[in-house]
Amino acid sequence: MIEEYFGDGSKFGCSIRYSHEDSPLGSGGALWSASEFLEDEFLYINGDDYLEIDYTELINAFHNQNVSAMVAVREDARGRLDIEKKTYRVIDFVSESNLYLHYLDCGTKVFKKTIIDMIDPCYPFVLEQSLWPILIEKKQLYIFPFMSKNFGIDTFEKLTEFKLWLKQQKYSNN
C-alpha cells in the first residue's frame, strides 16, 4: 500500500526506492538488505515511532561528534542505554532495565554506512542487540537527548492517543 501510494516519489518531489522482504528479517536484517540504497550517512527512523525533534539539530550533533552512530533518546526507567553524562557517549547496553533511569532508544538514529560492515547478519535479527555492543566497544555510539513528546504508535490505543495529540497541536497552532 505504501509503494502504491508513494510510487517512485516523483509526485512528492523526491526519489523513492524500495527494499522488499519475502519474510520478516527484523530491524537489522531489513537494514542489511537495503544497504545498497544507503548514502554514506543516513537517517534510520522506525515507522511506528513519532518524535517531536529538530532533525537538523540531530544531524548537526552527529557531525559534531564525528562518530558512527547517534540515537535519539529520552531518560526513562524502561531505557536500556547507560551514558557518560559529560560526553553523551553510550557506555553500556543493559539487558533489562531496572528501577533507576537509563536512556530509552526512541527509534530514530543517524548512522555512517560503515556500520553495515560491523554486522554479521543471521536473519532475522534486531539491529540494536547486534550493533550496540560493537559500537559501545569501539566508543562510536552517542546519544541525542531530547525532552519533547515522543509516541510509539504500534498499537491502536497508542495510535488513538497520537491522533488526539495531533488534533490538539493543530488547534493550538491556529
Protein backbone atom coordinates (compact mmCIF):
# COMPACT_ATOMS: atom_id res chain seq x y z
CA MET A 1 0.00 0.00 0.00
CA ILE A 2 2.89 2.37 0.75
CA GLU A 3 4.55 1.72 -2.58
CA GLU A 4 1.20 2.04 -4.36
CA TYR A 5 0.54 5.43 -2.75
CA PHE A 6 4.02 6.98 -2.95
CA GLY A 7 5.25 5.28 -6.12
CA ASP A 8 8.71 6.45 -7.16
CA GLY A 9 8.24 9.68 -5.17
CA SER A 10 8.22 11.99 -8.18
CA LYS A 11 4.78 13.45 -7.37
CA PHE A 12 6.24 14.49 -3.99
CA GLY A 13 9.43 15.97 -5.42
CA CYS A 14 11.72 13.16 -4.28
CA SER A 15 13.04 9.79 -5.36
CA ILE A 16 11.94 6.61 -3.56
CA ARG A 17 13.35 3.11 -3.93
CA TYR A 18 12.05 0.05 -2.08
CA SER A 19 13.63 -2.97 -0.48
CA HIS A 20 11.30 -5.96 -0.16
CA GLU A 21 11.35 -8.83 2.33
CA ASP A 22 9.94 -12.24 1.41
CA SER A 23 9.73 -12.98 5.14
CA PRO A 24 10.38 -10.71 8.16
CA LEU A 25 14.10 -10.05 8.59
CA GLY A 26 13.95 -7.99 11.79
CA SER A 27 15.14 -4.40 12.02
CA GLY A 28 18.76 -5.38 11.40
CA GLY A 29 18.00 -7.70 8.53
CA ALA A 30 15.83 -5.10 6.83
CA LEU A 31 18.63 -2.53 7.07
CA TRP A 32 21.19 -5.06 5.85
CA SER A 33 19.10 -6.00 2.81
CA ALA A 34 18.54 -2.31 1.94
CA SER A 35 22.22 -1.38 2.33
CA GLU A 36 22.76 -0.97 -1.42
CA PHE A 37 20.37 2.02 -1.31
CA LEU A 38 22.09 3.83 1.57
CA GLU A 39 24.16 7.00 1.34
CA ASP A 40 27.42 7.35 3.30
CA GLU A 41 25.35 8.85 6.14
CA PHE A 42 21.67 8.17 6.65
CA LEU A 43 18.70 8.57 8.99
CA TYR A 44 17.10 5.40 10.31
CA ILE A 45 13.57 6.03 11.61
CA ASN A 46 11.26 3.34 12.95
CA GLY A 47 7.93 3.57 11.14
CA ASP A 48 5.97 3.10 14.36
CA ASP A 49 7.62 5.94 16.31
CA TYR A 50 7.00 9.67 16.18
CA LEU A 51 9.41 12.14 17.75
CA GLU A 52 8.87 15.84 18.04
CA ILE A 53 12.51 16.81 17.46
CA ASP A 54 14.51 19.06 15.19
CA TYR A 55 16.16 16.60 12.79
CA THR A 56 18.65 19.27 11.69
CA GLU A 57 19.87 19.51 15.29
CA LEU A 58 20.19 15.71 15.45
CA ILE A 59 22.24 15.61 12.25
CA ASN A 60 24.41 18.54 13.37
CA ALA A 61 25.09 16.82 16.70
CA PHE A 62 26.05 13.66 14.80
CA HIS A 63 28.51 15.62 12.65
CA ASN A 64 29.95 17.45 15.66
CA GLN A 65 30.69 14.15 17.44
CA ASN A 66 32.13 12.57 14.26
CA VAL A 67 31.01 9.07 15.26
CA SER A 68 29.47 6.05 13.54
CA ALA A 69 26.07 6.23 15.25
CA MET A 70 23.84 8.55 17.21
CA VAL A 71 20.47 7.66 18.68
CA ALA A 72 17.67 9.97 19.83
CA VAL A 73 16.81 9.13 23.44
CA ARG A 74 14.73 10.13 26.43
CA GLU A 75 15.60 9.49 30.05
CA ASP A 76 13.23 6.69 31.08
CA ALA A 77 13.04 3.79 33.53
CA ARG A 78 12.32 1.46 30.58
CA GLY A 79 15.53 2.52 28.84
CA ARG A 80 18.47 0.23 28.24
CA LEU A 81 21.30 2.65 27.49
CA ASP A 82 23.70 4.00 30.12
CA ILE A 83 25.70 7.04 29.13
CA GLU A 84 28.72 9.06 30.14
CA LYS A 85 26.97 12.30 31.09
CA LYS A 86 29.75 14.72 30.06
CA THR A 87 30.20 13.37 26.54
CA TYR A 88 26.85 11.65 25.79
CA ARG A 89 28.76 8.52 24.82
CA VAL A 90 26.92 5.25 25.44
CA ILE A 91 28.90 3.11 27.87
CA ASP A 92 26.54 0.15 28.38
CA PHE A 93 23.57 -1.59 26.81
CA VAL A 94 21.79 -3.22 29.73
CA SER A 95 19.89 -6.43 29.15
CA GLU A 96 16.95 -5.37 31.31
CA SER A 97 16.04 -2.02 32.68
CA ASN A 98 15.72 -1.89 36.43
CA LEU A 99 14.43 0.73 38.86
CA TYR A 100 16.86 3.54 38.05
CA LEU A 101 16.77 5.66 34.93
CA HIS A 102 18.53 4.71 31.74
CA TYR A 103 18.06 6.25 28.32
CA LEU A 104 15.34 4.90 26.06
CA ASP A 105 16.11 4.49 22.36
CA CYS A 106 13.19 6.24 20.65
CA GLY A 107 13.60 4.66 17.22
CA THR A 108 15.43 7.47 15.41
CA LYS A 109 19.12 7.18 14.62
CA VAL A 110 21.81 8.64 12.37
CA PHE A 111 24.43 6.24 11.01
CA LYS A 112 27.51 6.17 8.86
CA LYS A 113 27.13 3.41 6.30
CA THR A 114 30.29 1.77 7.66
CA ILE A 115 28.15 0.26 10.44
CA ILE A 116 26.89 -2.28 7.88
CA ASP A 117 30.37 -3.85 7.84
CA MET A 118 30.19 -4.31 11.63
CA ILE A 119 27.12 -6.54 11.45
CA ASP A 120 27.24 -10.28 10.86
CA PRO A 121 23.67 -10.94 9.78
CA CYS A 122 21.76 -14.03 10.78
CA TYR A 123 18.16 -13.48 9.79
CA PRO A 124 16.01 -12.32 11.43
CA PHE A 125 17.94 -10.09 13.82
CA VAL A 126 17.35 -6.98 15.89
CA LEU A 127 19.65 -4.13 14.91
CA GLU A 128 20.25 -2.74 18.39
CA GLN A 129 21.05 -6.08 20.02
CA SER A 130 23.55 -6.88 17.27
CA LEU A 131 25.11 -3.46 16.75
CA TRP A 132 25.03 -1.56 20.06
CA PRO A 133 27.60 -3.80 21.87
CA ILE A 134 30.03 -3.45 18.94
CA LEU A 135 29.62 0.34 18.76
CA ILE A 136 29.96 0.67 22.55
CA GLU A 137 33.19 -1.30 22.50
CA LYS A 138 34.52 0.93 19.69
CA LYS A 139 33.29 4.07 21.55
CA GLN A 140 31.24 5.01 18.49
CA LEU A 141 27.68 5.22 19.87
CA TYR A 142 26.42 8.56 21.19
CA ILE A 143 23.02 9.87 22.20
CA PHE A 144 20.94 12.86 21.20
CA PRO A 145 18.82 13.55 24.29
CA PHE A 146 15.52 15.35 23.87
CA MET A 147 12.71 16.26 26.21
CA SER A 148 9.83 16.88 23.81
CA LYS A 149 6.97 14.49 23.10
CA ASN A 150 7.52 11.07 21.60
CA PHE A 151 4.98 8.44 20.65
CA GLY A 152 5.23 4.74 19.99
CA ILE A 153 2.32 4.18 17.61
CA ASP A 154 2.48 0.40 17.42
CA THR A 155 -0.96 -0.34 18.94
CA PHE A 156 -4.45 1.00 18.24
CA GLU A 157 -4.55 2.58 21.71
CA LYS A 158 -1.25 4.40 21.18
CA LEU A 159 -2.33 5.46 17.69
CA THR A 160 -5.56 6.90 19.11
CA GLU A 161 -3.57 8.83 21.73
CA PHE A 162 -1.26 10.14 18.99
CA LYS A 163 -4.20 11.26 16.83
CA LEU A 164 -5.69 13.16 19.77
CA TRP A 165 -2.36 14.85 20.41
CA LEU A 166 -2.08 15.83 16.73
CA LYS A 167 -5.55 17.39 16.83
CA GLN A 168 -4.60 19.38 19.92
CA GLN A 169 -1.46 20.61 18.16
CA LYS A 170 -3.46 21.67 15.12
CA TYR A 171 -5.92 23.70 17.18
CA SER A 172 -3.28 25.22 19.46
CA ASN A 173 -1.26 26.43 16.44
CA ASN A 174 -4.20 28.25 14.82
